[in-house]
Protein backbone atom coordinates (compact mmCIF):
# COMPACT_ATOMS: atom_id res chain seq x y z
CA MET A 1 12.18 -166.65 202.07
CA LEU A 2 13.73 -170.09 202.00
CA PRO A 3 12.19 -172.76 204.24
CA VAL A 4 14.45 -173.66 207.17
CA LEU A 5 13.45 -177.27 206.48
CA GLU A 6 12.00 -178.82 203.34
CA THR A 7 11.36 -182.36 202.13
CA ARG A 8 10.62 -183.16 198.51
CA ASP A 9 9.00 -186.45 197.49
CA LEU A 10 10.63 -188.13 200.47
CA ARG A 11 10.32 -191.93 200.48
CA LYS A 12 11.38 -194.65 202.90
CA GLY A 13 10.60 -198.35 203.27
CA PHE A 14 11.68 -201.27 205.41
CA ALA A 15 11.82 -205.03 204.95
CA SER A 16 9.26 -206.97 206.99
CA ALA A 17 8.03 -210.54 207.35
CA ARG A 18 5.26 -209.67 204.92
CA GLY A 19 7.57 -208.09 202.38
CA ARG A 20 8.57 -204.51 201.76
CA LEU A 21 6.74 -201.99 203.96
CA GLU A 22 6.61 -198.51 202.42
CA VAL A 23 6.38 -196.11 205.36
CA LEU A 24 6.84 -192.81 203.51
CA ARG A 25 5.47 -192.67 199.97
CA GLY A 26 6.39 -189.17 198.82
CA VAL A 27 6.31 -186.63 201.64
CA ASP A 28 6.44 -182.94 200.76
CA LEU A 29 6.84 -180.52 203.66
CA ALA A 30 8.16 -176.96 203.87
CA VAL A 31 8.66 -175.24 207.23
CA ALA A 32 9.10 -171.47 207.36
CA PRO A 33 11.24 -169.57 209.89
CA GLY A 34 9.28 -169.03 213.08
CA GLU A 35 6.62 -171.63 212.20
CA VAL A 36 5.32 -174.30 214.59
CA VAL A 37 4.22 -177.40 212.68
CA ALA A 38 2.64 -180.44 214.34
CA VAL A 39 2.86 -183.83 212.63
CA LEU A 40 0.03 -186.09 213.77
CA GLY A 41 -0.74 -189.74 213.21
CA PRO A 42 -1.11 -193.06 215.00
CA SER A 43 1.78 -195.18 216.24
CA GLY A 44 3.56 -196.89 213.36
CA SER A 45 2.52 -194.34 210.77
CA GLY A 46 6.11 -193.23 210.12
CA LYS A 47 6.23 -189.99 212.10
CA SER A 48 9.52 -190.80 213.84
CA THR A 49 11.04 -192.04 210.58
CA LEU A 50 10.12 -188.73 208.95
CA LEU A 51 11.82 -186.77 211.73
CA HIS A 52 14.96 -188.91 211.57
CA LEU A 53 15.22 -188.27 207.83
CA CYS A 54 14.65 -184.55 208.37
CA ALA A 55 17.53 -184.56 210.87
CA GLY A 56 19.85 -186.38 208.49
CA LEU A 57 20.07 -189.33 210.89
CA GLU A 58 18.85 -191.78 208.26
CA GLN A 59 19.04 -192.00 204.48
CA GLY A 60 15.81 -191.98 202.50
CA ASP A 61 15.12 -194.34 199.60
CA GLY A 62 14.21 -191.43 197.38
CA GLY A 63 13.44 -187.73 197.40
CA SER A 64 15.45 -185.16 199.32
CA VAL A 65 15.79 -183.10 202.49
CA HIS A 66 16.97 -179.48 202.48
CA TRP A 67 18.12 -177.15 205.24
CA ASP A 68 17.91 -173.48 204.21
CA GLY A 69 17.77 -174.64 200.59
CA ALA A 70 20.88 -176.83 200.76
CA ALA A 71 20.49 -180.60 200.28
CA VAL A 72 21.23 -182.93 203.20
CA GLU A 73 23.33 -186.03 202.54
CA PRO A 74 23.59 -188.25 205.66
CA ALA A 75 26.87 -189.80 204.49
CA ALA A 76 28.52 -186.48 203.61
CA PRO A 77 31.63 -185.46 205.58
CA GLY A 78 30.94 -182.71 208.08
CA LEU A 79 27.21 -183.35 208.34
CA ALA A 80 27.34 -183.74 212.14
CA ALA A 81 28.86 -180.27 212.53
CA ARG A 82 26.35 -178.84 210.08
CA ARG A 83 23.49 -180.49 211.96
CA ALA A 84 24.72 -179.08 215.27
CA GLY A 85 24.33 -175.55 213.92
CA HIS A 86 21.00 -176.06 212.20
CA VAL A 87 18.93 -178.70 214.00
CA GLY A 88 18.02 -179.19 217.66
CA LEU A 89 16.65 -182.58 218.67
CA VAL A 90 14.26 -183.47 221.49
CA PHE A 91 13.05 -187.03 222.01
CA GLN A 92 10.41 -188.69 224.18
CA HIS A 93 13.20 -190.01 226.41
CA HIS A 94 15.49 -187.17 227.42
CA TYR A 95 18.80 -189.04 226.92
CA LEU A 96 20.55 -186.94 229.54
CA LEU A 97 23.85 -188.25 230.89
CA ALA A 98 23.47 -189.38 234.49
CA GLU A 99 27.10 -188.65 235.33
CA LEU A 100 26.73 -184.94 234.42
CA ASP A 101 24.92 -182.25 236.38
CA VAL A 102 22.20 -180.05 234.84
CA LEU A 103 24.48 -177.34 233.47
CA GLU A 104 26.97 -179.87 232.09
CA ASN A 105 24.21 -181.69 230.24
CA VAL A 106 22.98 -178.47 228.62
CA THR A 107 26.45 -177.30 227.59
CA LEU A 108 27.44 -180.71 226.19
CA PRO A 109 26.61 -179.82 222.53
CA GLY A 110 28.90 -176.81 222.80
CA ARG A 111 31.77 -178.91 224.07
CA ILE A 112 31.26 -181.36 221.23
CA VAL A 113 31.65 -178.62 218.59
CA GLY A 114 34.30 -176.66 220.51
CA ARG A 115 32.14 -173.67 221.40
CA SER A 116 31.58 -172.04 224.78
CA VAL A 117 27.84 -171.88 225.48
CA GLU A 118 27.72 -171.59 229.27
CA ALA A 119 26.11 -168.14 229.19
CA GLU A 120 23.43 -169.34 226.77
CA ALA A 121 22.85 -172.45 228.90
CA ARG A 122 22.39 -170.42 232.07
CA GLU A 123 19.96 -168.09 230.32
CA LEU A 124 17.87 -170.99 229.01
CA LEU A 125 17.79 -172.74 232.38
CA ALA A 126 16.67 -169.54 234.09
CA ALA A 127 13.91 -169.08 231.50
CA MET A 128 12.76 -172.63 232.19
CA GLY A 129 12.62 -172.17 235.93
CA LEU A 130 15.74 -174.21 236.55
CA GLY A 131 18.21 -171.43 237.26
CA SER A 132 18.72 -172.64 240.83
CA ARG A 133 19.21 -176.26 239.73
CA GLU A 134 22.31 -175.82 237.56
CA ARG A 135 24.54 -177.99 239.73
CA ASP A 136 21.92 -180.54 240.68
CA ALA A 137 22.56 -184.15 239.79
CA PHE A 138 20.46 -185.92 237.18
CA ARG A 139 18.85 -188.16 239.82
CA ALA A 140 17.52 -185.13 241.74
CA LEU A 141 15.24 -184.05 238.88
CA SER A 142 11.63 -185.01 238.24
CA GLY A 143 10.56 -186.35 234.84
CA GLY A 144 9.27 -182.95 233.74
CA GLU A 145 12.44 -181.22 234.91
CA ARG A 146 14.60 -183.68 233.01
CA GLN A 147 12.64 -183.00 229.84
CA ARG A 148 13.05 -179.25 230.33
CA VAL A 149 16.80 -179.79 230.60
CA ALA A 150 16.65 -181.77 227.34
CA VAL A 151 14.81 -178.86 225.70
CA ALA A 152 17.48 -176.43 226.89
CA ARG A 153 20.19 -178.71 225.50
CA ALA A 154 18.42 -178.79 222.11
CA LEU A 155 18.24 -174.99 222.01
CA VAL A 156 21.67 -174.06 223.38
CA LEU A 157 23.43 -173.80 219.99
CA GLY A 158 20.64 -171.61 218.57
CA PRO A 159 19.33 -174.05 215.93
CA ARG A 160 17.27 -172.87 212.98
CA VAL A 161 14.75 -175.66 213.54
CA VAL A 162 13.90 -177.90 216.49
CA LEU A 163 12.67 -181.42 215.73
CA ALA A 164 10.75 -182.89 218.66
CA ASP A 165 9.68 -186.55 218.56
CA GLU A 166 6.87 -187.17 221.09
CA PRO A 167 8.71 -184.96 223.62
CA THR A 168 5.81 -185.08 226.09
CA GLY A 169 4.87 -188.74 225.68
CA SER A 170 6.27 -189.81 229.07
CA LEU A 171 4.74 -186.91 231.04
CA ASP A 172 1.38 -186.36 232.70
CA ARG A 173 -1.08 -183.90 231.16
CA ALA A 174 0.11 -180.86 233.09
CA GLY A 175 3.76 -181.67 232.45
CA ALA A 176 3.10 -182.27 228.76
CA LYS A 177 1.43 -178.90 228.33
CA ALA A 178 4.22 -177.14 230.19
CA VAL A 179 6.97 -178.68 228.06
CA TYR A 180 5.11 -178.04 224.80
CA ARG A 181 4.45 -174.40 225.68
CA LEU A 182 8.08 -173.99 226.69
CA LEU A 183 9.24 -175.35 223.34
CA ARG A 184 6.71 -173.31 221.37
CA ASP A 185 7.35 -170.01 223.15
CA THR A 186 11.15 -170.31 223.18
CA VAL A 187 11.33 -171.22 219.50
CA ARG A 188 9.02 -168.39 218.48
CA ALA A 189 10.93 -165.87 220.61
CA ARG A 190 14.18 -166.88 218.90
CA GLY A 191 12.74 -166.84 215.36
CA SER A 192 13.45 -170.55 214.93
CA ALA A 193 10.97 -173.18 213.74
CA LEU A 194 9.52 -176.21 215.50
CA VAL A 195 8.36 -179.51 214.03
CA ILE A 196 6.73 -181.59 216.74
CA VAL A 197 5.57 -185.17 216.26
CA THR A 198 2.70 -186.20 218.52
CA HIS A 199 -0.36 -188.41 218.65
CA ASP A 200 -2.16 -185.84 220.86
CA GLU A 201 -3.92 -183.29 218.64
CA SER A 202 -5.36 -181.32 221.56
CA LEU A 203 -1.84 -180.63 222.88
CA VAL A 204 -0.85 -178.75 219.72
CA ALA A 205 -4.20 -177.06 218.97
CA ASP A 206 -2.51 -173.64 218.83
CA SER A 207 0.29 -174.66 216.45
CA ASP A 208 0.54 -172.70 213.20
CA ARG A 209 -0.15 -175.79 211.11
CA ARG A 210 -1.19 -179.37 211.76
CA VAL A 211 -0.55 -182.10 209.21
CA ARG A 212 -1.40 -185.79 209.46
CA LEU A 213 0.70 -188.67 208.18
CA GLU A 214 -1.67 -191.19 206.59
CA GLU A 215 -0.62 -194.12 204.43
CA GLY A 216 2.80 -192.61 203.87
CA VAL A 217 1.78 -189.11 202.78
CA LEU A 218 1.01 -185.86 204.59
CA VAL A 219 -2.58 -184.61 204.46
């Protein structure tokens, strides 16, 4: 079975006042369908950079990223449409649009790719306890509710893998656990995979695999 997401010898560096800073020094990672993988490490260790490369949002300096065995080239025509069908993204800050209501925010990815996803959006919102909030305005939601809407938006196109970058970092402990469990359970139920970046190891203690980014490599 092909990994839904794989990196091979992935490398990335940045210029700094002290010279070239090598953040990723050869990262190898393979994520199987249905697997929940937690990427741990302190701030500045390159976790977010790794996720951005996995999503095809940035170009690595070397190595490669593969979705279902096919290489990802960030500059390739049509990558955005390909990403929409394969990768769901959740960030620490929800990035919802304040001028849209709850349902409109969740269905936005479908409108971007020309696909009707209202039924899927309603189903996800109901599963997340937000079925009665579909027409609520952004400002009426709590922080945890906004993040649940962001999770629904990431899942609405049925991605093969969800990449979550500190999705609970702005929430209290109870809210963080609720959002993580929601992500984990929904992804597993759909047969997708989840890669979640976090600094909180206790939050993801029941993940299938935990890896730590140290000095640019996964251990």
